[in-house]
C-alpha atoms as a PDB file:
ATOM      1  CA  MET A   1     -29.458   8.043  -5.485  1.00  0.00           C
ATOM      2  CA  SER A   2     -28.574  11.303  -3.714  1.00  0.00           C
ATOM      3  CA  ARG A   3     -25.117  12.177  -2.493  1.00  0.00           C
ATOM      4  CA  ASN A   4     -23.088  15.239  -1.587  1.00  0.00           C
ATOM      5  CA  GLN A   5     -21.822  16.578  -4.917  1.00  0.00           C
ATOM      6  CA  ASN A   6     -18.662  17.908  -3.210  1.00  0.00           C
ATOM      7  CA  GLN A   7     -17.813  14.493  -1.799  1.00  0.00           C
ATOM      8  CA  PRO A   8     -15.181  12.445  -3.652  1.00  0.00           C
ATOM      9  CA  LYS A   9     -16.808   9.569  -5.520  1.00  0.00           C
ATOM     10  CA  TYR A  10     -14.731   6.935  -3.747  1.00  0.00           C
ATOM     11  CA  ARG A  11     -15.840   8.363  -0.377  1.00  0.00           C
ATOM     12  CA  ALA A  12     -19.495   7.888  -1.292  1.00  0.00           C
ATOM     13  CA  ILE A  13     -18.785   4.225  -2.064  1.00  0.00           C
ATOM     14  CA  GLU A  14     -16.877   3.832   1.212  1.00  0.00           C
ATOM     15  CA  ASP A  15     -19.725   5.368   3.218  1.00  0.00           C
ATOM     16  CA  TYR A  16     -22.261   3.104   1.512  1.00  0.00           C
ATOM     17  CA  LEU A  17     -20.284  -0.083   2.152  1.00  0.00           C
ATOM     18  CA  ARG A  18     -18.975   0.799   5.618  1.00  0.00           C
ATOM     19  CA  SER A  19     -22.406   1.727   6.993  1.00  0.00           C
ATOM     20  CA  ARG A  20     -23.886  -1.554   5.766  1.00  0.00           C
ATOM     21  CA  ILE A  21     -21.008  -3.595   7.161  1.00  0.00           C
ATOM     22  CA  ILE A  22     -21.376  -1.937  10.561  1.00  0.00           C
ATOM     23  CA  SER A  23     -25.168  -2.401  10.543  1.00  0.00           C
ATOM     24  CA  GLY A  24     -24.825  -6.087   9.637  1.00  0.00           C
ATOM     25  CA  GLU A  25     -26.562  -5.805   6.278  1.00  0.00           C
ATOM     26  CA  PHE A  26     -23.284  -7.054   4.798  1.00  0.00           C
ATOM     27  CA  ALA A  27     -22.564  -9.662   7.444  1.00  0.00           C
ATOM     28  CA  VAL A  28     -19.213 -11.129   8.475  1.00  0.00           C
ATOM     29  CA  ASP A  29     -18.149 -14.000   6.164  1.00  0.00           C
ATOM     30  CA  THR A  30     -20.298 -12.746   3.285  1.00  0.00           C
ATOM     31  CA  LEU A  31     -19.111 -11.139   0.058  1.00  0.00           C
ATOM     32  CA  LEU A  32     -19.597  -7.483  -0.838  1.00  0.00           C
ATOM     33  CA  PRO A  33     -21.153  -6.550  -4.191  1.00  0.00           C
ATOM     34  CA  THR A  34     -18.686  -7.116  -7.008  1.00  0.00           C
ATOM     35  CA  GLU A  35     -16.552  -4.314  -8.462  1.00  0.00           C
ATOM     36  CA  GLU A  36     -18.704  -4.418 -11.594  1.00  0.00           C
ATOM     37  CA  MET A  37     -21.886  -4.003  -9.554  1.00  0.00           C
ATOM     38  CA  LEU A  38     -20.432  -1.054  -7.628  1.00  0.00           C
ATOM     39  CA  CYS A  39     -19.208   0.576 -10.855  1.00  0.00           C
ATOM     40  CA  ALA A  40     -22.728   0.352 -12.289  1.00  0.00           C
ATOM     41  CA  ARG A  41     -24.445   1.502  -9.102  1.00  0.00           C
ATOM     42  CA  PHE A  42     -22.289   4.610  -8.623  1.00  0.00           C
ATOM     43  CA  GLY A  43     -21.410   5.324 -12.260  1.00  0.00           C
ATOM     44  CA  VAL A  44     -17.662   5.311 -11.590  1.00  0.00           C
ATOM     45  CA  SER A  45     -14.531   3.615 -12.891  1.00  0.00           C
ATOM     46  CA  ARG A  46     -13.062   0.403 -11.529  1.00  0.00           C
ATOM     47  CA  ALA A  47     -10.079   2.410 -10.185  1.00  0.00           C
ATOM     48  CA  THR A  48     -12.438   4.531  -8.056  1.00  0.00           C
ATOM     49  CA  VAL A  49     -14.146   1.425  -6.664  1.00  0.00           C
ATOM     50  CA  ARG A  50     -10.771  -0.139  -5.863  1.00  0.00           C
ATOM     51  CA  THR A  51      -9.669   2.965  -3.973  1.00  0.00           C
ATOM     52  CA  ALA A  52     -12.797   2.724  -1.814  1.00  0.00           C
ATOM     53  CA  LEU A  53     -12.278  -0.998  -1.212  1.00  0.00           C
ATOM     54  CA  SER A  54      -8.610  -0.430  -0.381  1.00  0.00           C
ATOM     55  CA  ASN A  55      -9.546   2.106   2.296  1.00  0.00           C
ATOM     56  CA  ILE A  56     -12.153  -0.223   3.808  1.00  0.00           C
ATOM     57  CA  GLN A  57      -9.607  -3.035   3.789  1.00  0.00           C
ATOM     58  CA  ALA A  58      -7.170  -0.707   5.583  1.00  0.00           C
ATOM     59  CA  ASP A  59      -9.782  -0.408   8.340  1.00  0.00           C
ATOM     60  CA  GLY A  60      -9.687  -4.194   8.776  1.00  0.00           C
ATOM     61  CA  LEU A  61     -13.296  -4.714   7.677  1.00  0.00           C
ATOM     62  CA  ILE A  62     -12.714  -6.763   4.518  1.00  0.00           C
ATOM     63  CA  VAL A  63     -10.125  -8.898   2.768  1.00  0.00           C
ATOM     64  CA  ARG A  64      -9.843  -8.876  -1.034  1.00  0.00           C
ATOM     65  CA  SER A  65      -8.928 -11.676  -3.399  1.00  0.00           C
ATOM     66  CA  PRO A  66      -9.091 -11.767  -7.215  1.00  0.00           C
ATOM     67  CA  ALA A  67     -10.420 -15.324  -7.101  1.00  0.00           C
ATOM     68  CA  VAL A  68     -13.047 -14.727  -4.402  1.00  0.00           C
ATOM     69  CA  GLY A  69     -13.956 -11.032  -4.242  1.00  0.00           C
ATOM     70  CA  SER A  70     -14.227  -8.764  -1.202  1.00  0.00           C
ATOM     71  CA  ARG A  71     -15.191 -10.717   1.914  1.00  0.00           C
ATOM     72  CA  VAL A  72     -16.325  -9.099   5.174  1.00  0.00           C
ATOM     73  CA  ILE A  73     -14.143 -10.206   8.099  1.00  0.00           C
ATOM     74  CA  ALA A  74     -15.176  -7.731  10.831  1.00  0.00           C
ATOM     75  CA  SER A  75     -17.955  -5.258  11.569  1.00  0.00           C
ATOM     76  CA  THR A  76     -15.822  -2.834  13.596  1.00  0.00           C
ATOM     77  CA  ARG A  77     -12.607  -1.112  12.593  1.00  0.00           C
ATOM     78  CA  ARG A  78      -9.368  -2.631  13.827  1.00  0.00           C
ATOM     79  CA  ARG A  79      -6.504  -0.584  15.189  1.00  0.00           C
ATOM     80  CA  ALA A  80      -3.834  -2.467  13.270  1.00  0.00           C
ATOM     81  CA  PHE A  81      -3.374  -1.699   9.587  1.00  0.00           C
ATOM     82  CA  GLN A  82      -4.438  -4.667   7.470  1.00  0.00           C
ATOM     83  CA  ALA A  83      -3.441  -5.428   3.913  1.00  0.00           C
ATOM     84  CA  GLY A  84      -3.893  -8.181   1.374  1.00  0.00           C
ATOM     85  CA  TRP A  85      -2.139  -7.465  -1.908  1.00  0.00           C
ATOM     86  CA  ASN A  86      -2.378  -9.897  -4.798  1.00  0.00           C
ATOM     87  CA  SER A  87      -1.027  -7.859  -7.726  1.00  0.00           C
ATOM     88  CA  VAL A  88       1.034  -4.823  -8.715  1.00  0.00           C
ATOM     89  CA  GLU A  89      -2.242  -2.923  -9.123  1.00  0.00           C
ATOM     90  CA  ASP A  90      -3.403  -3.815  -5.592  1.00  0.00           C
ATOM     91  CA  LEU A  91      -0.112  -2.611  -4.132  1.00  0.00           C
ATOM     92  CA  LEU A  92      -0.245   0.688  -6.014  1.00  0.00           C
ATOM     93  CA  GLN A  93      -3.842   1.250  -4.886  1.00  0.00           C
ATOM     94  CA  HIS A  94      -2.711   0.694  -1.291  1.00  0.00           C
ATOM     95  CA  THR A  95       0.114   3.211  -1.709  1.00  0.00           C
ATOM     96  CA  LYS A  96      -2.378   5.789  -2.977  1.00  0.00           C
ATOM     97  CA  ALA A  97      -4.649   5.162   0.017  1.00  0.00           C
ATOM     98  CA  VAL A  98      -1.940   6.136   2.528  1.00  0.00           C
ATOM     99  CA  SER A  99      -0.063   9.417   2.709  1.00  0.00           C
ATOM    100  CA  LEU A 100       3.716   9.832   2.770  1.00  0.00           C
ATOM    101  CA  HIS A 101       5.051  12.444   5.196  1.00  0.00           C
ATOM    102  CA  VAL A 102       8.552  13.180   3.929  1.00  0.00           C
ATOM    103  CA  GLN A 103      11.309  13.776   6.474  1.00  0.00           C
ATOM    104  CA  ALA A 104      14.257  14.079   4.064  1.00  0.00           C
ATOM    105  CA  ILE A 105      15.201  13.733   0.377  1.00  0.00           C
ATOM    106  CA  ASN A 106      18.879  13.371  -0.522  1.00  0.00           C
ATOM    107  CA  GLU A 107      20.917  12.252  -3.499  1.00  0.00           C
ATOM    108  CA  ILE A 108      23.576   9.781  -2.340  1.00  0.00           C
ATOM    109  CA  VAL A 109      26.187   7.452  -3.806  1.00  0.00           C
ATOM    110  CA  MET A 110      25.780   3.771  -2.971  1.00  0.00           C
ATOM    111  CA  GLY A 111      28.472   2.436  -0.661  1.00  0.00           C
ATOM    112  CA  THR A 112      29.398  -1.233  -0.776  1.00  0.00           C
ATOM    113  CA  GLY A 113      27.425  -2.278   2.317  1.00  0.00           C
ATOM    114  CA  MET A 114      24.310  -0.318   1.428  1.00  0.00           C
ATOM    115  CA  ALA A 115      24.480  -1.464  -2.207  1.00  0.00           C
ATOM    116  CA  GLU A 116      24.277  -5.097  -1.140  1.00  0.00           C
ATOM    117  CA  ASP A 117      21.147  -4.436   0.923  1.00  0.00           C
ATOM    118  CA  VAL A 118      19.376  -2.025  -1.425  1.00  0.00           C
ATOM    119  CA  GLY A 119      20.258  -3.632  -4.744  1.00  0.00           C
ATOM    120  CA  PHE A 120      21.776  -0.762  -6.696  1.00  0.00           C
ATOM    121  CA  ALA A 121      25.425  -1.170  -7.723  1.00  0.00           C
ATOM    122  CA  ALA A 122      28.144   0.338  -5.509  1.00  0.00           C
ATOM    123  CA  GLY A 123      29.074   3.794  -6.794  1.00  0.00           C
ATOM    124  CA  ARG A 124      25.607   4.348  -8.295  1.00  0.00           C
ATOM    125  CA  SER A 125      23.893   7.688  -7.620  1.00  0.00           C
ATOM    126  CA  VAL A 126      20.411   7.270  -6.176  1.00  0.00           C
ATOM    127  CA  VAL A 127      17.810   9.451  -4.487  1.00  0.00           C
ATOM    128  CA  ARG A 128      16.940   8.430  -0.914  1.00  0.00           C
ATOM    129  CA  VAL A 129      13.601   9.468   0.541  1.00  0.00           C
ATOM    130  CA  GLU A 130      12.933   9.044   4.264  1.00  0.00           C
ATOM    131  CA  GLY A 131       9.560   9.459   5.931  1.00  0.00           C
ATOM    132  CA  VAL A 132       6.541   7.905   7.608  1.00  0.00           C
ATOM    133  CA  ARG A 133       3.263   6.699   6.150  1.00  0.00           C
ATOM    134  CA  TRP A 134      -0.148   7.449   7.619  1.00  0.00           C
ATOM    135  CA  ASN A 135      -3.494   5.892   6.838  1.00  0.00           C
ATOM    136  CA  GLU A 136      -6.028   8.658   6.354  1.00  0.00           C
ATOM    137  CA  PHE A 137      -8.374   7.034   8.895  1.00  0.00           C
ATOM    138  CA  GLU A 138      -5.602   6.459  11.479  1.00  0.00           C
ATOM    139  CA  THR A 139      -4.531  10.005  12.244  1.00  0.00           C
ATOM    140  CA  ASP A 140      -3.348   9.320  15.790  1.00  0.00           C
ATOM    141  CA  GLN A 141      -0.140   7.501  14.773  1.00  0.00           C
ATOM    142  CA  PRO A 142       1.832   6.648  11.634  1.00  0.00           C
ATOM    143  CA  ILE A 143       1.649   3.058  10.393  1.00  0.00           C
ATOM    144  CA  CYS A 144       5.270   2.673   9.292  1.00  0.00           C
ATOM    145  CA  TYR A 145       8.705   4.179   8.738  1.00  0.00           C
ATOM    146  CA  VAL A 146       9.844   4.038   5.116  1.00  0.00           C
ATOM    147  CA  GLU A 147      13.010   4.511   3.105  1.00  0.00           C
ATOM    148  CA  ILE A 148      12.670   4.762  -0.671  1.00  0.00           C
ATOM    149  CA  PHE A 149      15.612   4.551  -3.068  1.00  0.00           C
ATOM    150  CA  PHE A 150      15.313   5.273  -6.775  1.00  0.00           C
ATOM    151  CA  ASP A 151      17.706   5.806  -9.657  1.00  0.00           C
ATOM    152  CA  ALA A 152      19.040   9.391  -9.749  1.00  0.00           C
ATOM    153  CA  LEU A 153      18.285   9.404 -13.488  1.00  0.00           C
ATOM    154  CA  TYR A 154      14.736  10.250 -12.371  1.00  0.00           C
ATOM    155  CA  ASN A 155      15.630  12.953  -9.817  1.00  0.00           C
ATOM    156  CA  GLU A 156      13.475  15.610 -11.504  1.00  0.00           C
ATOM    157  CA  ILE A 157      10.440  14.143  -9.732  1.00  0.00           C
ATOM    158  CA  SER A 158      11.913  15.005  -6.306  1.00  0.00           C
ATOM    159  CA  PRO A 159       9.985  18.299  -5.820  1.00  0.00           C
ATOM    160  CA  ARG A 160       6.687  16.437  -6.334  1.00  0.00           C
ATOM    161  CA  ILE A 161       7.333  13.652  -3.798  1.00  0.00           C
ATOM    162  CA  GLY A 162       4.869  13.789  -0.913  1.00  0.00           C
ATOM    163  CA  THR A 163       2.934  16.684  -2.453  1.00  0.00           C
ATOM    164  CA  ALA A 164       1.406  15.226  -5.621  1.00  0.00           C
ATOM    165  CA  GLY A 165      -0.650  12.538  -3.853  1.00  0.00           C
ATOM    166  CA  LEU A 166       0.940   9.857  -6.031  1.00  0.00           C
ATOM    167  CA  PRO A 167       3.384   7.008  -5.327  1.00  0.00           C
ATOM    168  CA  ILE A 168       6.954   7.608  -6.493  1.00  0.00           C
ATOM    169  CA  ALA A 169       6.549   4.826  -9.069  1.00  0.00           C
ATOM    170  CA  ASP A 170       3.588   6.697 -10.582  1.00  0.00           C
ATOM    171  CA  LEU A 171       5.593   9.936 -10.697  1.00  0.00           C
ATOM    172  CA  ILE A 172       8.397   8.140 -12.531  1.00  0.00           C
ATOM    173  CA  GLU A 173       5.959   6.589 -14.985  1.00  0.00           C
ATOM    174  CA  ASP A 174       4.226   9.922 -15.568  1.00  0.00           C
ATOM    175  CA  GLN A 175       7.431  11.836 -16.298  1.00  0.00           C
ATOM    176  CA  TYR A 176       9.710   9.181 -17.783  1.00  0.00           C
ATOM    177  CA  GLN A 177       7.296   6.511 -19.116  1.00  0.00           C
ATOM    178  CA  VAL A 178       8.984   3.821 -16.998  1.00  0.00           C
ATOM    179  CA  ARG A 179       6.369   1.317 -15.858  1.00  0.00           C
ATOM    180  CA  ILE A 180       6.482  -1.350 -13.162  1.00  0.00           C
ATOM    181  CA  GLU A 181       6.267  -4.839 -14.640  1.00  0.00           C
ATOM    182  CA  ARG A 182       7.101  -6.886 -11.558  1.00  0.00           C
ATOM    183  CA  ILE A 183       7.838  -6.467  -7.867  1.00  0.00           C
ATOM    184  CA  LYS A 184      10.003  -8.674  -5.668  1.00  0.00           C
ATOM    185  CA  GLN A 185       9.052  -8.644  -1.973  1.00  0.00           C
ATOM    186  CA  GLU A 186      10.900  -9.839   1.127  1.00  0.00           C
ATOM    187  CA  VAL A 187       9.376  -9.911   4.618  1.00  0.00           C
ATOM    188  CA  SER A 188      11.378 -10.298   7.831  1.00  0.00           C
ATOM    189  CA  ALA A 189      11.187  -9.577  11.557  1.00  0.00           C
ATOM    190  CA  GLY A 190      13.179  -6.860  13.282  1.00  0.00           C
ATOM    191  CA  ARG A 191      13.405  -4.411  16.175  1.00  0.00           C
ATOM    192  CA  LEU A 192      12.733  -0.677  16.209  1.00  0.00           C
ATOM    193  CA  ALA A 193      15.901   1.397  16.551  1.00  0.00           C
ATOM    194  CA  PRO A 194      15.584   4.431  18.878  1.00  0.00           C
ATOM    195  CA  ALA A 195      15.400   6.995  16.048  1.00  0.00           C
ATOM    196  CA  THR A 196      12.797   4.965  14.140  1.00  0.00           C
ATOM    197  CA  ALA A 197      10.739   4.373  17.281  1.00  0.00           C
ATOM    198  CA  ALA A 198      10.756   8.113  17.998  1.00  0.00           C
ATOM    199  CA  MET A 199       9.394   8.950  14.526  1.00  0.00           C
ATOM    200  CA  LEU A 200       6.637   6.357  14.946  1.00  0.00           C
ATOM    201  CA  GLY A 201       5.802   7.198  18.557  1.00  0.00           C
ATOM    202  CA  ALA A 202       6.545   3.573  19.440  1.00  0.00           C
ATOM    203  CA  GLU A 203       8.596   1.784  22.070  1.00  0.00           C
ATOM    204  CA  GLU A 204      12.330   1.445  21.454  1.00  0.00           C
ATOM    205  CA  ASN A 205      13.481  -2.077  20.537  1.00  0.00           C
ATOM    206  CA  ALA A 206       9.882  -3.199  20.058  1.00  0.00           C
ATOM    207  CA  SER A 207       9.151  -6.015  17.604  1.00  0.00           C
ATOM    208  CA  SER A 208       8.554  -4.931  14.024  1.00  0.00           C
ATOM    209  CA  LEU A 209       7.830  -6.229  10.559  1.00  0.00           C
ATOM    210  CA  ILE A 210      10.204  -5.186   7.762  1.00  0.00           C
ATOM    211  CA  ILE A 211       8.981  -5.308   4.159  1.00  0.00           C
ATOM    212  CA  LYS A 212      11.472  -4.745   1.354  1.00  0.00           C
ATOM    213  CA  ARG A 213      10.363  -4.372  -2.258  1.00  0.00           C
ATOM    214  CA  TRP A 214      12.326  -4.113  -5.485  1.00  0.00           C
ATOM    215  CA  TYR A 215      10.578  -2.621  -8.525  1.00  0.00           C
ATOM    216  CA  PHE A 216      11.516  -3.699 -12.073  1.00  0.00           C
ATOM    217  CA  ASP A 217      10.651  -2.200 -15.465  1.00  0.00           C
ATOM    218  CA  ASN A 218       9.769  -4.046 -18.690  1.00  0.00           C
ATOM    219  CA  ASN A 219      13.475  -4.657 -19.348  1.00  0.00           C
ATOM    220  CA  ASP A 220      13.733  -6.325 -15.920  1.00  0.00           C
ATOM    221  CA  ARG A 221      15.903  -3.464 -14.682  1.00  0.00           C
ATOM    222  CA  MET A 222      15.495  -2.498 -11.033  1.00  0.00           C
ATOM    223  CA  PHE A 223      14.773   1.229 -10.723  1.00  0.00           C
ATOM    224  CA  GLU A 224      13.271   1.595  -7.228  1.00  0.00           C
ATOM    225  CA  MET A 225      13.577  -0.095  -3.847  1.00  0.00           C
ATOM    226  CA  THR A 226      11.547   0.503  -0.681  1.00  0.00           C
ATOM    227  CA  ARG A 227      12.104  -0.624   2.899  1.00  0.00           C
ATOM    228  CA  SER A 228       9.167  -0.204   5.286  1.00  0.00           C
ATOM    229  CA  GLN A 229       9.216  -0.981   8.998  1.00  0.00           C
ATOM    230  CA  TYR A 230       5.935  -1.502  10.853  1.00  0.00           C
ATOM    231  CA  PRO A 231       5.537  -1.802  14.631  1.00  0.00           C
ATOM    232  CA  ALA A 232       4.158  -5.296  15.183  1.00  0.00           C
ATOM    233  CA  ASP A 233       0.865  -4.043  16.632  1.00  0.00           C
ATOM    234  CA  ARG A 234       0.129  -1.738  13.686  1.00  0.00           C
ATOM    235  CA  PHE A 235       0.133  -4.126  10.757  1.00  0.00           C
ATOM    236  CA  ARG A 236      -1.636  -7.321   9.741  1.00  0.00           C
ATOM    237  CA  TYR A 237      -1.248  -9.059   6.376  1.00  0.00           C
ATOM    238  CA  VAL A 238      -4.144 -11.205   5.176  1.00  0.00           C
ATOM    239  CA  VAL A 239      -4.258 -13.540   2.166  1.00  0.00           C
ATOM    240  CA  ASP A 240      -7.450 -15.354   1.177  1.00  0.00           C
ATOM    241  CA  PHE A 241      -6.655 -18.501  -0.841  1.00  0.00           C
ATOM    242  CA  GLY A 242      -9.011 -20.209  -3.264  1.00  0.00           C
ATOM    243  CA  ARG A 243      -8.606 -23.329  -5.380  1.00  0.00           C
ATOM    244  CA  SER A 244      -7.680 -22.824  -9.001  1.00  0.00           C
ATOM    245  CA  SER A 245      -9.835 -24.493 -11.647  1.00  0.00           C
ATOM    246  CA  ASP A 246      -7.065 -27.063 -12.260  1.00  0.00           C
ATOM    247  CA  ASP A 247      -7.284 -28.174  -8.629  1.00  0.00           C
ATOM    248  CA  ALA A 248     -11.040 -28.732  -8.579  1.00  0.00           C
ATOM    249  CA  PRO A 249     -12.052 -32.121  -7.137  1.00  0.00           C
ATOM    250  CA  ARG A 250     -12.483 -34.823  -9.756  1.00  0.00           C
ATOM    251  CA  ALA A 251     -15.548 -37.042  -9.868  1.00  0.00           C
END
């Protein structure tokens, strides 16, 4: 199979799948080839295949589920960002598929009110990162405003944030060998404040979705927290449920 040798491997997989979804060869409500099949076909790692699938999912063409696979849900790209995370690995792949445009990085001390919301103890020194995230295929507008807080013990990664092409959690793991073992997530509705709306190019006081996440290491110690705010028309979360083997109908 021929392909541009200068093209990233994941891009070749994306082009292959996207063109066949658009043409109808991979029709709506059918499953894409499995990760194993794509690994064998393109001679790449599972991580490379997952990056390609994550980008196609971000276009709103597929939804992914560990129990089912990658199912086609549309043949044309949607304007809203769509996600369907089922594991820590899925979430990290998503974070790698979007770019963080940093507005500010500051070391701060947690006040009482902020500590209650963020989760670090009052008086604790943390690094606060403020910025917007863009999907690489949605260059006309950012998909969300984000604040990221992490323990100031890891502040040596600060110069690499937004330039290394890696999530902050990966930078921390790379430099300090602190690995995410679990993530707690909270989703709520909100309104866009004027300053946030201006950064996103959105309407002031418009409806939004707020996603907060707390990241814990193998000692169940929280070391990072993120708060993302999406304009309502720029985000869609999809979960595809399947029955577990224990719930299979009995004869």
